[in-house]
Amino acid sequence: CNILSNLSKVSVIPSYGSIYAITGGKYIGEFFIYMENIDREDYSFLSLPDLKIRYVPRSKFESGVKQKILQFQEILPNNILDECKSQYEKQKTDPKSYR
């Protein structure tokens, strides 16, 4: 029982290129691709299909995963991830891309 209680305390950390389906809330129907850690508290994602940059506080990401609002799908293949990274870098230069 002690092991199970410790598992619930394990931090959820996304891997570069991980894609999550959003199943509830403001961004329902989008997919978030994890791109980078902005600082200790925020994760940065490229959202599909809008190609917008979404900043998600670490605590909200963790609770979203635990509540199954963000559902891990897969880690994208390198050729697709390269295109997503290119779009992400392009969007970083456009102030309208941040939400």
N, C-alpha and C. Protein backbone atom coordinates (compact mmCIF):
# COMPACT_ATOMS: atom_id res chain seq x y z
N CYS A 1 0.84 -1.20 0.00
CA CYS A 1 0.00 0.00 0.00
C CYS A 1 0.88 1.26 0.00
N ASN A 2 2.00 1.22 0.73
CA ASN A 2 2.91 2.34 0.79
C ASN A 2 3.48 2.67 -0.60
N ILE A 3 3.78 1.64 -1.39
CA ILE A 3 4.31 1.85 -2.75
C ILE A 3 3.28 2.57 -3.60
N LEU A 4 2.02 2.19 -3.51
CA LEU A 4 0.98 2.84 -4.30
C LEU A 4 0.81 4.29 -3.91
N SER A 5 0.91 4.62 -2.64
CA SER A 5 0.77 6.01 -2.24
C SER A 5 1.95 6.83 -2.74
N ASN A 6 3.13 6.23 -2.82
CA ASN A 6 4.30 6.93 -3.34
C ASN A 6 4.19 7.17 -4.84
N LEU A 7 3.56 6.25 -5.57
CA LEU A 7 3.41 6.41 -7.01
C LEU A 7 2.59 7.64 -7.36
N SER A 8 1.60 7.96 -6.55
CA SER A 8 0.76 9.12 -6.83
C SER A 8 1.52 10.43 -6.63
N LYS A 9 2.66 10.37 -5.94
CA LYS A 9 3.46 11.58 -5.70
C LYS A 9 4.54 11.79 -6.77
N VAL A 10 4.70 10.81 -7.68
CA VAL A 10 5.71 10.91 -8.72
C VAL A 10 5.35 12.05 -9.66
N SER A 11 6.30 12.90 -9.94
CA SER A 11 6.08 14.03 -10.82
C SER A 11 5.95 13.58 -12.28
N VAL A 12 5.03 14.19 -12.99
CA VAL A 12 4.83 13.89 -14.40
C VAL A 12 5.68 14.87 -15.20
N ILE A 13 6.63 14.35 -15.95
CA ILE A 13 7.53 15.21 -16.72
C ILE A 13 7.42 14.82 -18.19
N PRO A 14 7.02 15.77 -19.05
CA PRO A 14 6.90 15.42 -20.47
C PRO A 14 8.27 15.25 -21.12
N SER A 15 8.32 14.43 -22.16
CA SER A 15 9.53 14.25 -22.95
C SER A 15 9.40 15.06 -24.23
N TYR A 16 10.52 15.55 -24.73
CA TYR A 16 10.53 16.32 -25.98
C TYR A 16 9.85 15.51 -27.08
N GLY A 17 8.87 16.13 -27.73
CA GLY A 17 8.18 15.47 -28.83
C GLY A 17 6.98 14.65 -28.42
N SER A 18 6.66 14.63 -27.13
CA SER A 18 5.47 13.91 -26.68
C SER A 18 4.23 14.68 -27.12
N ILE A 19 3.23 13.96 -27.59
CA ILE A 19 1.99 14.60 -28.01
C ILE A 19 0.87 14.13 -27.08
N TYR A 20 0.06 15.10 -26.67
CA TYR A 20 -1.04 14.86 -25.75
C TYR A 20 -2.34 15.31 -26.39
N ALA A 21 -3.37 14.50 -26.29
CA ALA A 21 -4.71 14.89 -26.71
C ALA A 21 -5.36 15.65 -25.55
N ILE A 22 -6.02 16.75 -25.87
CA ILE A 22 -6.71 17.53 -24.85
C ILE A 22 -8.18 17.13 -24.89
N THR A 23 -8.65 16.58 -23.79
CA THR A 23 -10.00 16.00 -23.76
C THR A 23 -11.01 16.81 -22.96
N GLY A 24 -10.59 17.98 -22.47
CA GLY A 24 -11.51 18.82 -21.71
C GLY A 24 -10.95 20.21 -21.56
N GLY A 25 -11.79 21.12 -21.10
CA GLY A 25 -11.35 22.48 -20.83
C GLY A 25 -11.30 23.37 -22.05
N LYS A 26 -10.60 24.46 -21.90
CA LYS A 26 -10.54 25.51 -22.92
C LYS A 26 -9.99 25.03 -24.27
N TYR A 27 -9.08 24.08 -24.25
CA TYR A 27 -8.41 23.65 -25.48
C TYR A 27 -8.87 22.26 -25.95
N ILE A 28 -10.05 21.85 -25.57
CA ILE A 28 -10.57 20.54 -25.95
C ILE A 28 -10.50 20.36 -27.47
N GLY A 29 -10.06 19.19 -27.88
CA GLY A 29 -9.94 18.88 -29.31
C GLY A 29 -8.59 19.19 -29.91
N GLU A 30 -7.74 19.90 -29.18
CA GLU A 30 -6.40 20.20 -29.67
C GLU A 30 -5.44 19.09 -29.25
N PHE A 31 -4.28 19.10 -29.87
CA PHE A 31 -3.17 18.25 -29.48
C PHE A 31 -2.03 19.17 -29.09
N PHE A 32 -1.38 18.89 -27.99
CA PHE A 32 -0.23 19.66 -27.52
C PHE A 32 1.02 18.81 -27.70
N ILE A 33 2.00 19.38 -28.39
CA ILE A 33 3.30 18.72 -28.56
C ILE A 33 4.28 19.43 -27.64
N TYR A 34 4.88 18.68 -26.73
CA TYR A 34 5.83 19.28 -25.79
C TYR A 34 7.10 19.67 -26.53
N MET A 35 7.48 20.96 -26.38
CA MET A 35 8.66 21.47 -27.08
C MET A 35 9.82 21.79 -26.13
N GLU A 36 9.51 22.50 -25.03
CA GLU A 36 10.61 22.86 -24.13
C GLU A 36 10.08 23.32 -22.78
N ASN A 37 11.01 23.34 -21.84
CA ASN A 37 10.77 23.86 -20.50
C ASN A 37 11.17 25.34 -20.54
N ILE A 38 10.24 26.22 -20.26
CA ILE A 38 10.56 27.65 -20.31
C ILE A 38 11.32 28.08 -19.06
N ASP A 39 10.87 27.63 -17.94
CA ASP A 39 11.56 27.87 -16.68
C ASP A 39 11.16 26.72 -15.75
N ARG A 40 11.42 26.86 -14.51
CA ARG A 40 11.11 25.76 -13.59
C ARG A 40 9.61 25.52 -13.44
N GLU A 41 8.79 26.48 -13.83
CA GLU A 41 7.37 26.38 -13.57
C GLU A 41 6.49 26.23 -14.81
N ASP A 42 7.02 26.47 -16.00
CA ASP A 42 6.19 26.46 -17.21
C ASP A 42 6.75 25.55 -18.29
N TYR A 43 5.83 24.83 -18.94
CA TYR A 43 6.15 24.02 -20.11
C TYR A 43 5.60 24.73 -21.33
N SER A 44 6.28 24.56 -22.45
CA SER A 44 5.84 25.17 -23.71
C SER A 44 5.48 24.07 -24.70
N PHE A 45 4.31 24.23 -25.31
CA PHE A 45 3.78 23.26 -26.26
C PHE A 45 3.42 23.95 -27.56
N LEU A 46 3.50 23.22 -28.65
CA LEU A 46 2.94 23.65 -29.93
C LEU A 46 1.60 22.96 -30.03
N SER A 47 0.54 23.76 -30.25
CA SER A 47 -0.79 23.16 -30.33
C SER A 47 -1.15 22.88 -31.79
N LEU A 48 -1.83 21.77 -31.98
CA LEU A 48 -2.34 21.40 -33.29
C LEU A 48 -3.85 21.36 -33.20
N PRO A 49 -4.59 21.80 -34.16
CA PRO A 49 -4.14 22.15 -35.50
C PRO A 49 -3.78 23.63 -35.68
N ASP A 50 -3.88 24.45 -34.63
CA ASP A 50 -3.73 25.90 -34.77
C ASP A 50 -2.31 26.40 -34.90
N LEU A 51 -1.33 25.56 -34.57
CA LEU A 51 0.09 25.96 -34.57
C LEU A 51 0.32 27.18 -33.69
N LYS A 52 -0.30 27.17 -32.52
CA LYS A 52 -0.11 28.23 -31.53
C LYS A 52 0.78 27.70 -30.42
N ILE A 53 1.52 28.59 -29.80
CA ILE A 53 2.33 28.22 -28.65
C ILE A 53 1.45 28.35 -27.41
N ARG A 54 1.44 27.30 -26.62
CA ARG A 54 0.67 27.29 -25.38
C ARG A 54 1.63 27.07 -24.22
N TYR A 55 1.58 27.98 -23.25
CA TYR A 55 2.36 27.81 -22.03
C TYR A 55 1.46 27.21 -20.97
N VAL A 56 1.95 26.16 -20.35
CA VAL A 56 1.17 25.47 -19.33
C VAL A 56 2.01 25.39 -18.06
N PRO A 57 1.50 25.96 -16.96
CA PRO A 57 2.23 25.81 -15.69
C PRO A 57 2.39 24.33 -15.34
N ARG A 58 3.53 24.02 -14.78
CA ARG A 58 3.84 22.63 -14.45
C ARG A 58 2.75 22.00 -13.59
N SER A 59 2.25 22.73 -12.60
CA SER A 59 1.23 22.18 -11.70
C SER A 59 -0.06 21.86 -12.46
N LYS A 60 -0.44 22.71 -13.42
CA LYS A 60 -1.65 22.45 -14.21
C LYS A 60 -1.43 21.26 -15.15
N PHE A 61 -0.23 21.15 -15.70
CA PHE A 61 0.08 20.01 -16.56
C PHE A 61 -0.05 18.72 -15.77
N GLU A 62 0.56 18.68 -14.59
CA GLU A 62 0.53 17.48 -13.77
C GLU A 62 -0.90 17.10 -13.39
N SER A 63 -1.69 18.09 -12.96
CA SER A 63 -3.08 17.77 -12.58
C SER A 63 -3.90 17.38 -13.81
N GLY A 64 -3.63 17.99 -14.96
CA GLY A 64 -4.33 17.63 -16.19
C GLY A 64 -4.05 16.20 -16.62
N VAL A 65 -2.81 15.76 -16.46
CA VAL A 65 -2.46 14.37 -16.79
C VAL A 65 -3.13 13.42 -15.80
N LYS A 66 -3.07 13.75 -14.53
CA LYS A 66 -3.67 12.87 -13.52
C LYS A 66 -5.18 12.79 -13.68
N GLN A 67 -5.81 13.89 -14.12
CA GLN A 67 -7.27 13.90 -14.32
C GLN A 67 -7.67 13.45 -15.72
N LYS A 68 -6.67 13.07 -16.51
CA LYS A 68 -6.87 12.57 -17.88
C LYS A 68 -7.48 13.63 -18.82
N ILE A 69 -7.21 14.89 -18.53
CA ILE A 69 -7.58 15.98 -19.43
C ILE A 69 -6.52 16.06 -20.54
N LEU A 70 -5.27 15.82 -20.18
CA LEU A 70 -4.18 15.68 -21.15
C LEU A 70 -3.84 14.20 -21.20
N GLN A 71 -4.04 13.59 -22.36
CA GLN A 71 -3.79 12.17 -22.49
C GLN A 71 -2.64 11.92 -23.46
N PHE A 72 -1.59 11.32 -22.91
CA PHE A 72 -0.41 11.01 -23.72
C PHE A 72 -0.81 10.11 -24.89
N GLN A 73 -0.30 10.44 -26.10
CA GLN A 73 -0.57 9.65 -27.29
C GLN A 73 0.67 8.88 -27.73
N GLU A 74 1.75 9.63 -27.98
CA GLU A 74 2.99 9.00 -28.44
C GLU A 74 4.10 10.05 -28.45
N ILE A 75 5.31 9.59 -28.68
CA ILE A 75 6.42 10.50 -28.99
C ILE A 75 6.52 10.51 -30.50
N LEU A 76 6.49 11.69 -31.07
CA LEU A 76 6.45 11.82 -32.52
C LEU A 76 7.73 11.30 -33.18
N PRO A 77 7.61 10.72 -34.37
CA PRO A 77 8.80 10.32 -35.13
C PRO A 77 9.65 11.56 -35.47
N ASN A 78 10.93 11.37 -35.63
CA ASN A 78 11.86 12.49 -35.86
C ASN A 78 11.49 13.36 -37.05
N ASN A 79 11.06 12.77 -38.16
CA ASN A 79 10.75 13.59 -39.33
C ASN A 79 9.56 14.52 -39.07
N ILE A 80 8.57 14.06 -38.34
CA ILE A 80 7.42 14.90 -38.00
C ILE A 80 7.82 15.91 -36.94
N LEU A 81 8.59 15.47 -35.97
CA LEU A 81 9.04 16.37 -34.91
C LEU A 81 9.91 17.49 -35.46
N ASP A 82 10.73 17.21 -36.46
CA ASP A 82 11.55 18.26 -37.09
C ASP A 82 10.66 19.36 -37.69
N GLU A 83 9.59 18.96 -38.34
CA GLU A 83 8.65 19.93 -38.92
C GLU A 83 7.94 20.73 -37.82
N CYS A 84 7.56 20.06 -36.76
CA CYS A 84 6.91 20.75 -35.64
C CYS A 84 7.87 21.74 -34.99
N LYS A 85 9.12 21.34 -34.82
CA LYS A 85 10.12 22.24 -34.23
C LYS A 85 10.30 23.47 -35.12
N SER A 86 10.32 23.29 -36.43
CA SER A 86 10.43 24.41 -37.36
C SER A 86 9.23 25.36 -37.20
N GLN A 87 8.04 24.81 -37.12
CA GLN A 87 6.84 25.63 -36.93
C GLN A 87 6.88 26.35 -35.57
N TYR A 88 7.33 25.66 -34.55
CA TYR A 88 7.44 26.23 -33.22
C TYR A 88 8.38 27.43 -33.22
N GLU A 89 9.56 27.27 -33.83
CA GLU A 89 10.54 28.36 -33.90
C GLU A 89 9.97 29.54 -34.70
N LYS A 90 9.26 29.25 -35.76
CA LYS A 90 8.62 30.30 -36.56
C LYS A 90 7.58 31.06 -35.73
N GLN A 91 6.79 30.32 -34.96
CA GLN A 91 5.75 30.94 -34.14
C GLN A 91 6.34 31.78 -33.00
N LYS A 92 7.52 31.41 -32.53
CA LYS A 92 8.15 32.17 -31.44
C LYS A 92 8.45 33.61 -31.86
N THR A 93 8.59 33.85 -33.16
CA THR A 93 8.88 35.20 -33.64
C THR A 93 7.60 36.00 -33.92
N ASP A 94 6.44 35.36 -33.79
CA ASP A 94 5.16 36.03 -34.05
C ASP A 94 4.41 36.22 -32.74
N PRO A 95 4.30 37.48 -32.26
CA PRO A 95 3.64 37.72 -30.97
C PRO A 95 2.19 37.24 -30.92
N LYS A 96 1.54 37.11 -32.07
CA LYS A 96 0.14 36.65 -32.08
C LYS A 96 0.03 35.16 -31.82
N SER A 97 1.14 34.45 -31.85
CA SER A 97 1.09 33.00 -31.70
C SER A 97 1.02 32.56 -30.24
N TYR A 98 1.24 33.47 -29.31
CA TYR A 98 1.24 33.11 -27.88
C TYR A 98 -0.15 33.24 -27.31
N ARG A 99 -0.56 32.20 -26.59
CA ARG A 99 -1.87 32.26 -25.91
C ARG A 99 -1.76 31.59 -24.59
